[in-house]
Amino acid sequence: MIKKSEKTISRKPVQETENTDLRAFALGKRNLLFIAIAFVAIILGFALMAGEGSTPEHFNPDIFSFRRIVVAPFITFAGYVFMVFAILYKPKKEDSNTDRE
């Protein structure tokens, strides 16, 4: 009779292939570049929305400017959409036959 503590579990070793690198990131360089561009667009959009607000003593008509209510939210939204694209982007695999000299 075999007890549970005496049972051994056989595990197959992980076979590494040529393309497997344990230090590799899930996203490539191009993805990270796209993410950086999207991040800058989002920050730019929020910066364009910033400005002085109105107070009870003084009304600031600039809070209703075209830049603050149309342009800045559009840039911010486009940055968020581009961020999703940047994360999901998968580059096409290059054919080894195209490296002819």
PDB file of N, CA and C in Angstrom:
ATOM      1  N   MET A   1       0.842  -1.170   0.000  1.00  0.00           N
ATOM      2  CA  MET A   1       0.000   0.000   0.000  1.00  0.00           C
ATOM      3  C   MET A   1       0.895   1.243   0.000  1.00  0.00           C
ATOM      4  N   ILE A   2       0.580   2.199  -0.883  1.00  0.00           N
ATOM      5  CA  ILE A   2       1.371   3.411  -0.999  1.00  0.00           C
ATOM      6  C   ILE A   2       0.652   4.551  -0.296  1.00  0.00           C
ATOM      7  N   LYS A   3       1.378   5.211   0.553  1.00  0.00           N
ATOM      8  CA  LYS A   3       0.813   6.363   1.251  1.00  0.00           C
ATOM      9  C   LYS A   3       0.970   7.593   0.381  1.00  0.00           C
ATOM     10  N   LYS A   4       0.129   8.593   0.654  1.00  0.00           N
ATOM     11  CA  LYS A   4       0.204   9.830  -0.125  1.00  0.00           C
ATOM     12  C   LYS A   4       1.564  10.490  -0.012  1.00  0.00           C
ATOM     13  N   SER A   5       2.185  10.423   1.146  1.00  0.00           N
ATOM     14  CA  SER A   5       3.465  11.100   1.333  1.00  0.00           C
ATOM     15  C   SER A   5       4.578  10.406   0.563  1.00  0.00           C
ATOM     16  N   GLU A   6       4.403   9.126   0.240  1.00  0.00           N
ATOM     17  CA  GLU A   6       5.435   8.390  -0.479  1.00  0.00           C
ATOM     18  C   GLU A   6       5.273   8.477  -1.988  1.00  0.00           C
ATOM     19  N   LYS A   7       4.133   8.970  -2.446  1.00  0.00           N
ATOM     20  CA  LYS A   7       3.877   9.078  -3.872  1.00  0.00           C
ATOM     21  C   LYS A   7       4.754  10.173  -4.469  1.00  0.00           C
ATOM     22  N   THR A   8       5.334   9.904  -5.589  1.00  0.00           N
ATOM     23  CA  THR A   8       6.117  10.921  -6.276  1.00  0.00           C
ATOM     24  C   THR A   8       5.382  11.344  -7.534  1.00  0.00           C
ATOM     25  N   ILE A   9       5.483  12.595  -7.811  1.00  0.00           N
ATOM     26  CA  ILE A   9       4.843  13.131  -9.007  1.00  0.00           C
ATOM     27  C   ILE A   9       5.940  13.385 -10.028  1.00  0.00           C
ATOM     28  N   SER A  10       5.790  12.785 -11.164  1.00  0.00           N
ATOM     29  CA  SER A  10       6.792  13.001 -12.207  1.00  0.00           C
ATOM     30  C   SER A  10       6.402  14.240 -13.005  1.00  0.00           C
ATOM     31  N   ARG A  11       7.315  15.136 -13.096  1.00  0.00           N
ATOM     32  CA  ARG A  11       7.090  16.363 -13.857  1.00  0.00           C
ATOM     33  C   ARG A  11       8.069  16.402 -15.015  1.00  0.00           C
ATOM     34  N   LYS A  12       7.538  16.735 -16.152  1.00  0.00           N
ATOM     35  CA  LYS A  12       8.387  16.845 -17.329  1.00  0.00           C
ATOM     36  C   LYS A  12       9.087  18.201 -17.295  1.00  0.00           C
ATOM     37  N   PRO A  13      10.357  18.247 -17.624  1.00  0.00           N
ATOM     38  CA  PRO A  13      11.033  19.545 -17.646  1.00  0.00           C
ATOM     39  C   PRO A  13      10.497  20.417 -18.774  1.00  0.00           C
ATOM     40  N   VAL A  14      10.489  21.716 -18.543  1.00  0.00           N
ATOM     41  CA  VAL A  14      10.016  22.660 -19.548  1.00  0.00           C
ATOM     42  C   VAL A  14      11.068  22.740 -20.643  1.00  0.00           C
ATOM     43  N   GLN A  15      10.626  22.509 -21.863  1.00  0.00           N
ATOM     44  CA  GLN A  15      11.547  22.580 -22.980  1.00  0.00           C
ATOM     45  C   GLN A  15      11.545  23.990 -23.544  1.00  0.00           C
ATOM     46  N   GLU A  16      12.716  24.574 -23.577  1.00  0.00           N
ATOM     47  CA  GLU A  16      12.822  25.922 -24.126  1.00  0.00           C
ATOM     48  C   GLU A  16      13.078  25.827 -25.622  1.00  0.00           C
ATOM     49  N   THR A  17      12.362  26.620 -26.361  1.00  0.00           N
ATOM     50  CA  THR A  17      12.562  26.668 -27.800  1.00  0.00           C
ATOM     51  C   THR A  17      13.481  27.838 -28.126  1.00  0.00           C
ATOM     52  N   GLU A  18      13.769  27.999 -29.386  1.00  0.00           N
ATOM     53  CA  GLU A  18      14.665  29.075 -29.800  1.00  0.00           C
ATOM     54  C   GLU A  18      14.092  30.452 -29.478  1.00  0.00           C
ATOM     55  N   ASN A  19      12.770  30.600 -29.579  1.00  0.00           N
ATOM     56  CA  ASN A  19      12.135  31.897 -29.384  1.00  0.00           C
ATOM     57  C   ASN A  19      11.773  32.183 -27.935  1.00  0.00           C
ATOM     58  N   THR A  20      11.964  31.226 -27.040  1.00  0.00           N
ATOM     59  CA  THR A  20      11.578  31.414 -25.648  1.00  0.00           C
ATOM     60  C   THR A  20      12.714  32.089 -24.896  1.00  0.00           C
ATOM     61  N   ASP A  21      12.398  33.210 -24.285  1.00  0.00           N
ATOM     62  CA  ASP A  21      13.350  33.917 -23.450  1.00  0.00           C
ATOM     63  C   ASP A  21      12.607  34.329 -22.191  1.00  0.00           C
ATOM     64  N   LEU A  22      13.064  33.871 -21.051  1.00  0.00           N
ATOM     65  CA  LEU A  22      12.360  34.137 -19.815  1.00  0.00           C
ATOM     66  C   LEU A  22      12.385  35.622 -19.435  1.00  0.00           C
ATOM     67  N   ARG A  23      13.323  36.375 -19.983  1.00  0.00           N
ATOM     68  CA  ARG A  23      13.422  37.794 -19.682  1.00  0.00           C
ATOM     69  C   ARG A  23      12.624  38.663 -20.648  1.00  0.00           C
ATOM     70  N   ALA A  24      12.011  38.067 -21.644  1.00  0.00           N
ATOM     71  CA  ALA A  24      11.286  38.821 -22.667  1.00  0.00           C
ATOM     72  C   ALA A  24       9.993  39.393 -22.095  1.00  0.00           C
ATOM     73  N   PHE A  25       9.650  40.572 -22.557  1.00  0.00           N
ATOM     74  CA  PHE A  25       8.413  41.218 -22.147  1.00  0.00           C
ATOM     75  C   PHE A  25       7.258  40.704 -23.002  1.00  0.00           C
ATOM     76  N   ALA A  26       6.064  40.881 -22.499  1.00  0.00           N
ATOM     77  CA  ALA A  26       4.891  40.469 -23.270  1.00  0.00           C
ATOM     78  C   ALA A  26       4.666  41.395 -24.461  1.00  0.00           C
ATOM     79  N   LEU A  27       5.108  42.634 -24.351  1.00  0.00           N
ATOM     80  CA  LEU A  27       4.932  43.611 -25.421  1.00  0.00           C
ATOM     81  C   LEU A  27       6.286  43.927 -26.048  1.00  0.00           C
ATOM     82  N   GLY A  28       6.269  44.151 -27.339  1.00  0.00           N
ATOM     83  CA  GLY A  28       7.497  44.462 -28.051  1.00  0.00           C
ATOM     84  C   GLY A  28       7.857  45.934 -27.974  1.00  0.00           C
ATOM     85  N   LYS A  29       8.953  46.283 -28.620  1.00  0.00           N
ATOM     86  CA  LYS A  29       9.421  47.677 -28.612  1.00  0.00           C
ATOM     87  C   LYS A  29       8.417  48.612 -29.275  1.00  0.00           C
ATOM     88  N   ARG A  30       7.824  48.146 -30.360  1.00  0.00           N
ATOM     89  CA  ARG A  30       6.862  48.982 -31.083  1.00  0.00           C
ATOM     90  C   ARG A  30       5.626  49.235 -30.214  1.00  0.00           C
ATOM     91  N   ASN A  31       5.180  48.206 -29.482  1.00  0.00           N
ATOM     92  CA  ASN A  31       4.044  48.376 -28.587  1.00  0.00           C
ATOM     93  C   ASN A  31       4.360  49.412 -27.509  1.00  0.00           C
ATOM     94  N   LEU A  32       5.545  49.332 -26.945  1.00  0.00           N
ATOM     95  CA  LEU A  32       5.923  50.280 -25.895  1.00  0.00           C
ATOM     96  C   LEU A  32       6.026  51.708 -26.439  1.00  0.00           C
ATOM     97  N   LEU A  33       6.494  51.841 -27.676  1.00  0.00           N
ATOM     98  CA  LEU A  33       6.551  53.161 -28.302  1.00  0.00           C
ATOM     99  C   LEU A  33       5.147  53.715 -28.501  1.00  0.00           C
ATOM    100  N   PHE A  34       4.224  52.879 -28.981  1.00  0.00           N
ATOM    101  CA  PHE A  34       2.829  53.304 -29.156  1.00  0.00           C
ATOM    102  C   PHE A  34       2.193  53.674 -27.822  1.00  0.00           C
ATOM    103  N   ILE A  35       2.481  52.919 -26.782  1.00  0.00           N
ATOM    104  CA  ILE A  35       1.941  53.222 -25.455  1.00  0.00           C
ATOM    105  C   ILE A  35       2.465  54.568 -24.964  1.00  0.00           C
ATOM    106  N   ALA A  36       3.737  54.849 -25.198  1.00  0.00           N
ATOM    107  CA  ALA A  36       4.314  56.135 -24.793  1.00  0.00           C
ATOM    108  C   ALA A  36       3.642  57.285 -25.553  1.00  0.00           C
ATOM    109  N   ILE A  37       3.396  57.106 -26.832  1.00  0.00           N
ATOM    110  CA  ILE A  37       2.720  58.140 -27.628  1.00  0.00           C
ATOM    111  C   ILE A  37       1.305  58.366 -27.104  1.00  0.00           C
ATOM    112  N   ALA A  38       0.587  57.285 -26.796  1.00  0.00           N
ATOM    113  CA  ALA A  38      -0.769  57.403 -26.267  1.00  0.00           C
ATOM    114  C   ALA A  38      -0.761  58.101 -24.912  1.00  0.00           C
ATOM    115  N   PHE A  39       0.207  57.784 -24.087  1.00  0.00           N
ATOM    116  CA  PHE A  39       0.318  58.414 -22.771  1.00  0.00           C
ATOM    117  C   PHE A  39       0.548  59.919 -22.904  1.00  0.00           C
ATOM    118  N   VAL A  40       1.400  60.317 -23.831  1.00  0.00           N
ATOM    119  CA  VAL A  40       1.654  61.751 -24.063  1.00  0.00           C
ATOM    120  C   VAL A  40       0.384  62.432 -24.557  1.00  0.00           C
ATOM    121  N   ALA A  41      -0.379  61.788 -25.435  1.00  0.00           N
ATOM    122  CA  ALA A  41      -1.632  62.374 -25.933  1.00  0.00           C
ATOM    123  C   ALA A  41      -2.637  62.555 -24.798  1.00  0.00           C
ATOM    124  N   ILE A  42      -2.723  61.589 -23.894  1.00  0.00           N
ATOM    125  CA  ILE A  42      -3.647  61.698 -22.767  1.00  0.00           C
ATOM    126  C   ILE A  42      -3.236  62.846 -21.848  1.00  0.00           C
ATOM    127  N   ILE A  43      -1.972  62.945 -21.549  1.00  0.00           N
ATOM    128  CA  ILE A  43      -1.475  64.038 -20.697  1.00  0.00           C
ATOM    129  C   ILE A  43      -1.703  65.389 -21.376  1.00  0.00           C
ATOM    130  N   LEU A  44      -1.466  65.464 -22.678  1.00  0.00           N
ATOM    131  CA  LEU A  44      -1.695  66.705 -23.420  1.00  0.00           C
ATOM    132  C   LEU A  44      -3.166  67.107 -23.361  1.00  0.00           C
ATOM    133  N   GLY A  45      -4.061  66.136 -23.515  1.00  0.00           N
ATOM    134  CA  GLY A  45      -5.490  66.421 -23.443  1.00  0.00           C
ATOM    135  C   GLY A  45      -5.888  66.981 -22.091  1.00  0.00           C
ATOM    136  N   PHE A  46      -5.398  66.382 -21.014  1.00  0.00           N
ATOM    137  CA  PHE A  46      -5.718  66.890 -19.680  1.00  0.00           C
ATOM    138  C   PHE A  46      -5.094  68.263 -19.442  1.00  0.00           C
ATOM    139  N   ALA A  47      -3.903  68.486 -19.984  1.00  0.00           N
ATOM    140  CA  ALA A  47      -3.265  69.798 -19.829  1.00  0.00           C
ATOM    141  C   ALA A  47      -4.063  70.879 -20.562  1.00  0.00           C
ATOM    142  N   LEU A  48      -4.614  70.532 -21.727  1.00  0.00           N
ATOM    143  CA  LEU A  48      -5.419  71.511 -22.464  1.00  0.00           C
ATOM    144  C   LEU A  48      -6.741  71.820 -21.746  1.00  0.00           C
ATOM    145  N   MET A  49      -7.240  70.885 -20.960  1.00  0.00           N
ATOM    146  CA  MET A  49      -8.466  71.123 -20.193  1.00  0.00           C
ATOM    147  C   MET A  49      -8.218  71.984 -18.962  1.00  0.00           C
ATOM    148  N   ALA A  50      -7.002  72.033 -18.507  1.00  0.00           N
ATOM    149  CA  ALA A  50      -6.683  72.752 -17.266  1.00  0.00           C
ATOM    150  C   ALA A  50      -6.791  74.261 -17.467  1.00  0.00           C
ATOM    151  N   GLY A  51      -6.993  74.940 -16.396  1.00  0.00           N
ATOM    152  CA  GLY A  51      -7.066  76.396 -16.431  1.00  0.00           C
ATOM    153  C   GLY A  51      -7.843  76.905 -15.231  1.00  0.00           C
ATOM    154  N   GLU A  52      -7.937  78.189 -15.167  1.00  0.00           N
ATOM    155  CA  GLU A  52      -8.672  78.795 -14.062  1.00  0.00           C
ATOM    156  C   GLU A  52     -10.158  78.552 -14.216  1.00  0.00           C
ATOM    157  N   GLY A  53     -10.808  78.357 -13.102  1.00  0.00           N
ATOM    158  CA  GLY A  53     -12.250  78.186 -13.108  1.00  0.00           C
ATOM    159  C   GLY A  53     -12.931  79.476 -12.702  1.00  0.00           C
ATOM    160  N   SER A  54     -14.224  79.415 -12.609  1.00  0.00           N
ATOM    161  CA  SER A  54     -14.998  80.580 -12.158  1.00  0.00           C
ATOM    162  C   SER A  54     -15.148  80.543 -10.650  1.00  0.00           C
ATOM    163  N   THR A  55     -15.248  81.712 -10.073  1.00  0.00           N
ATOM    164  CA  THR A  55     -15.507  81.847  -8.641  1.00  0.00           C
ATOM    165  C   THR A  55     -16.830  82.583  -8.469  1.00  0.00           C
ATOM    166  N   PRO A  56     -17.393  82.557  -7.275  1.00  0.00           N
ATOM    167  CA  PRO A  56     -18.645  83.312  -7.074  1.00  0.00           C
ATOM    168  C   PRO A  56     -18.481  84.826  -7.309  1.00  0.00           C
ATOM    169  N   GLU A  57     -17.281  85.342  -7.116  1.00  0.00           N
ATOM    170  CA  GLU A  57     -17.044  86.767  -7.308  1.00  0.00           C
ATOM    171  C   GLU A  57     -16.735  87.125  -8.760  1.00  0.00           C
ATOM    172  N   HIS A  58     -16.139  86.192  -9.486  1.00  0.00           N
ATOM    173  CA  HIS A  58     -15.689  86.501 -10.845  1.00  0.00           C
ATOM    174  C   HIS A  58     -16.039  85.343 -11.785  1.00  0.00           C
ATOM    175  N   PHE A  59     -16.753  85.628 -12.865  1.00  0.00           N
ATOM    176  CA  PHE A  59     -17.084  84.628 -13.876  1.00  0.00           C
ATOM    177  C   PHE A  59     -15.990  84.617 -14.932  1.00  0.00           C
ATOM    178  N   ASN A  60     -15.478  83.446 -15.225  1.00  0.00           N
ATOM    179  CA  ASN A  60     -14.436  83.295 -16.234  1.00  0.00           C
ATOM    180  C   ASN A  60     -15.054  82.631 -17.463  1.00  0.00           C
ATOM    181  N   PRO A  61     -15.281  83.369 -18.552  1.00  0.00           N
ATOM    182  CA  PRO A  61     -15.908  82.769 -19.741  1.00  0.00           C
ATOM    183  C   PRO A  61     -15.001  81.763 -20.449  1.00  0.00           C
ATOM    184  N   ASP A  62     -13.727  81.715 -20.071  1.00  0.00           N
ATOM    185  CA  ASP A  62     -12.793  80.789 -20.704  1.00  0.00           C
ATOM    186  C   ASP A  62     -13.130  79.325 -20.382  1.00  0.00           C
ATOM    187  N   ILE A  63     -13.936  79.078 -19.369  1.00  0.00           N
ATOM    188  CA  ILE A  63     -14.270  77.682 -19.058  1.00  0.00           C
ATOM    189  C   ILE A  63     -15.129  77.055 -20.145  1.00  0.00           C
ATOM    190  N   PHE A  64     -15.754  77.873 -20.968  1.00  0.00           N
ATOM    191  CA  PHE A  64     -16.576  77.367 -22.070  1.00  0.00           C
ATOM    192  C   PHE A  64     -15.885  77.529 -23.427  1.00  0.00           C
ATOM    193  N   SER A  65     -14.565  77.630 -23.435  1.00  0.00           N
ATOM    194  CA  SER A  65     -13.853  77.810 -24.703  1.00  0.00           C
ATOM    195  C   SER A  65     -13.867  76.514 -25.519  1.00  0.00           C
ATOM    196  N   PHE A  66     -13.725  76.674 -26.813  1.00  0.00           N
ATOM    197  CA  PHE A  66     -13.720  75.547 -27.746  1.00  0.00           C
ATOM    198  C   PHE A  66     -12.600  74.573 -27.391  1.00  0.00           C
ATOM    199  N   ARG A  67     -11.461  75.094 -26.992  1.00  0.00           N
ATOM    200  CA  ARG A  67     -10.309  74.257 -26.636  1.00  0.00           C
ATOM    201  C   ARG A  67     -10.622  73.360 -25.446  1.00  0.00           C
ATOM    202  N   ARG A  68     -11.305  73.892 -24.451  1.00  0.00           N
ATOM    203  CA  ARG A  68     -11.551  73.147 -23.213  1.00  0.00           C
ATOM    204  C   ARG A  68     -12.724  72.182 -23.298  1.00  0.00           C
ATOM    205  N   ILE A  69     -13.702  72.446 -24.129  1.00  0.00           N
ATOM    206  CA  ILE A  69     -14.863  71.550 -24.156  1.00  0.00           C
ATOM    207  C   ILE A  69     -14.944  70.677 -25.400  1.00  0.00           C
ATOM    208  N   VAL A  70     -14.096  70.922 -26.409  1.00  0.00           N
ATOM    209  CA  VAL A  70     -14.139  70.102 -27.617  1.00  0.00           C
ATOM    210  C   VAL A  70     -12.773  69.481 -27.914  1.00  0.00           C
ATOM    211  N   VAL A  71     -11.761  70.300 -28.063  1.00  0.00           N
ATOM    212  CA  VAL A  71     -10.450  69.823 -28.510  1.00  0.00           C
ATOM    213  C   VAL A  71      -9.800  68.916 -27.458  1.00  0.00           C
ATOM    214  N   ALA A  72      -9.728  69.378 -26.236  1.00  0.00           N
ATOM    215  CA  ALA A  72      -9.044  68.618 -25.189  1.00  0.00           C
ATOM    216  C   ALA A  72      -9.707  67.268 -24.910  1.00  0.00           C
ATOM    217  N   PRO A  73     -11.032  67.194 -24.761  1.00  0.00           N
ATOM    218  CA  PRO A  73     -11.628  65.866 -24.564  1.00  0.00           C
ATOM    219  C   PRO A  73     -11.436  64.936 -25.759  1.00  0.00           C
ATOM    220  N   PHE A  74     -11.451  65.491 -26.980  1.00  0.00           N
ATOM    221  CA  PHE A  74     -11.221  64.664 -28.159  1.00  0.00           C
ATOM    222  C   PHE A  74      -9.806  64.086 -28.154  1.00  0.00           C
ATOM    223  N   ILE A  75      -8.806  64.903 -27.832  1.00  0.00           N
ATOM    224  CA  ILE A  75      -7.420  64.429 -27.784  1.00  0.00           C
ATOM    225  C   ILE A  75      -7.255  63.372 -26.694  1.00  0.00           C
ATOM    226  N   THR A  76      -7.878  63.597 -25.546  1.00  0.00           N
ATOM    227  CA  THR A  76      -7.789  62.629 -24.454  1.00  0.00           C
ATOM    228  C   THR A  76      -8.438  61.305 -24.843  1.00  0.00           C
ATOM    229  N   PHE A  77      -9.630  61.368 -25.422  1.00  0.00           N
ATOM    230  CA  PHE A  77     -10.321  60.151 -25.850  1.00  0.00           C
ATOM    231  C   PHE A  77      -9.521  59.415 -26.922  1.00  0.00           C
ATOM    232  N   ALA A  78      -8.964  60.154 -27.871  1.00  0.00           N
ATOM    233  CA  ALA A  78      -8.144  59.535 -28.914  1.00  0.00           C
ATOM    234  C   ALA A  78      -6.914  58.858 -28.297  1.00  0.00           C
ATOM    235  N   GLY A  79      -6.341  59.471 -27.273  1.00  0.00           N
ATOM    236  CA  GLY A  79      -5.209  58.855 -26.571  1.00  0.00           C
ATOM    237  C   GLY A  79      -5.588  57.540 -25.919  1.00  0.00           C
ATOM    238  N   TYR A  80      -6.767  57.492 -25.290  1.00  0.00           N
ATOM    239  CA  TYR A  80      -7.227  56.245 -24.671  1.00  0.00           C
ATOM    240  C   TYR A  80      -7.495  55.166 -25.724  1.00  0.00           C
ATOM    241  N   VAL A  81      -8.095  55.532 -26.831  1.00  0.00           N
ATOM    242  CA  VAL A  81      -8.343  54.565 -27.903  1.00  0.00           C
ATOM    243  C   VAL A  81      -7.027  54.058 -28.477  1.00  0.00           C
ATOM    244  N   PHE A  82      -6.074  54.959 -28.668  1.00  0.00           N
ATOM    245  CA  PHE A  82      -4.765  54.569 -29.189  1.00  0.00           C
ATOM    246  C   PHE A  82      -4.027  53.684 -28.190  1.00  0.00           C
ATOM    247  N   MET A  83      -4.259  53.901 -26.895  1.00  0.00           N
ATOM    248  CA  MET A  83      -3.634  53.059 -25.869  1.00  0.00           C
ATOM    249  C   MET A  83      -4.134  51.616 -25.993  1.00  0.00           C
ATOM    250  N   VAL A  84      -5.420  51.439 -26.224  1.00  0.00           N
ATOM    251  CA  VAL A  84      -5.968  50.094 -26.415  1.00  0.00           C
ATOM    252  C   VAL A  84      -5.358  49.458 -27.659  1.00  0.00           C
ATOM    253  N   PHE A  85      -5.262  50.231 -28.729  1.00  0.00           N
ATOM    254  CA  PHE A  85      -4.629  49.730 -29.950  1.00  0.00           C
ATOM    255  C   PHE A  85      -3.179  49.339 -29.685  1.00  0.00           C
ATOM    256  N   ALA A  86      -2.456  50.176 -28.935  1.00  0.00           N
ATOM    257  CA  ALA A  86      -1.039  49.924 -28.667  1.00  0.00           C
ATOM    258  C   ALA A  86      -0.844  48.636 -27.882  1.00  0.00           C
ATOM    259  N   ILE A  87      -1.755  48.336 -26.971  1.00  0.00           N
ATOM    260  CA  ILE A  87      -1.625  47.121 -26.178  1.00  0.00           C
ATOM    261  C   ILE A  87      -1.982  45.890 -27.012  1.00  0.00           C
ATOM    262  N   LEU A  88      -2.985  46.002 -27.846  1.00  0.00           N
ATOM    263  CA  LEU A  88      -3.446  44.852 -28.621  1.00  0.00           C
ATOM    264  C   LEU A  88      -2.681  44.638 -29.923  1.00  0.00           C
ATOM    265  N   TYR A  89      -1.862  45.593 -30.348  1.00  0.00           N
ATOM    266  CA  TYR A  89      -1.145  45.510 -31.625  1.00  0.00           C
ATOM    267  C   TYR A  89      -0.186  44.325 -31.621  1.00  0.00           C
ATOM    268  N   LYS A  90      -0.282  43.523 -32.664  1.00  0.00           N
ATOM    269  CA  LYS A  90       0.630  42.397 -32.829  1.00  0.00           C
ATOM    270  C   LYS A  90       1.271  42.523 -34.203  1.00  0.00           C
ATOM    271  N   PRO A  91       2.577  42.749 -34.257  1.00  0.00           N
ATOM    272  CA  PRO A  91       3.220  42.938 -35.559  1.00  0.00           C
ATOM    273  C   PRO A  91       3.205  41.661 -36.384  1.00  0.00           C
ATOM    274  N   LYS A  92       3.195  41.844 -37.690  1.00  0.00           N
ATOM    275  CA  LYS A  92       3.226  40.697 -38.593  1.00  0.00           C
ATOM    276  C   LYS A  92       4.584  40.028 -38.495  1.00  0.00           C
ATOM    277  N   LYS A  93       4.589  38.702 -38.586  1.00  0.00           N
ATOM    278  CA  LYS A  93       5.856  37.971 -38.559  1.00  0.00           C
ATOM    279  C   LYS A  93       6.550  38.180 -39.889  1.00  0.00           C
ATOM    280  N   GLU A  94       7.827  38.520 -39.798  1.00  0.00           N
ATOM    281  CA  GLU A  94       8.584  38.761 -41.024  1.00  0.00           C
ATOM    282  C   GLU A  94       9.004  37.427 -41.628  1.00  0.00           C
ATOM    283  N   ASP A  95       8.902  37.356 -42.927  1.00  0.00           N
ATOM    284  CA  ASP A  95       9.275  36.141 -43.653  1.00  0.00           C
ATOM    285  C   ASP A  95      10.795  36.073 -43.748  1.00  0.00           C
ATOM    286  N   SER A  96      11.358  34.922 -43.525  1.00  0.00           N
ATOM    287  CA  SER A  96      12.818  34.780 -43.576  1.00  0.00           C
ATOM    288  C   SER A  96      13.355  34.929 -44.994  1.00  0.00           C
ATOM    289  N   ASN A  97      12.504  34.791 -46.017  1.00  0.00           N
ATOM    290  CA  ASN A  97      12.936  34.934 -47.396  1.00  0.00           C
ATOM    291  C   ASN A  97      13.092  36.393 -47.811  1.00  0.00           C
ATOM    292  N   THR A  98      12.618  37.313 -47.015  1.00  0.00           N
ATOM    293  CA  THR A  98      12.713  38.727 -47.389  1.00  0.00           C
ATOM    294  C   THR A  98      14.056  39.322 -47.026  1.00  0.00           C
ATOM    295  N   ASP A  99      14.921  38.556 -46.356  1.00  0.00           N
ATOM    296  CA  ASP A  99      16.225  39.060 -45.944  1.00  0.00           C
ATOM    297  C   ASP A  99      17.308  38.807 -46.976  1.00  0.00           C
ATOM    298  N   ARG A 100      16.926  38.697 -48.246  1.00  0.00           N
ATOM    299  CA  ARG A 100      17.907  38.458 -49.301  1.00  0.00           C
ATOM    300  C   ARG A 100      18.715  39.724 -49.537  1.00  0.00           C
ATOM    301  N   GLU A 101      19.977  39.505 -49.844  1.00  0.00           N
ATOM    302  CA  GLU A 101      20.856  40.662 -50.123  1.00  0.00           C
ATOM    303  C   GLU A 101      21.297  40.668 -51.554  1.00  0.00           C
TER     304      GLU A 101
END
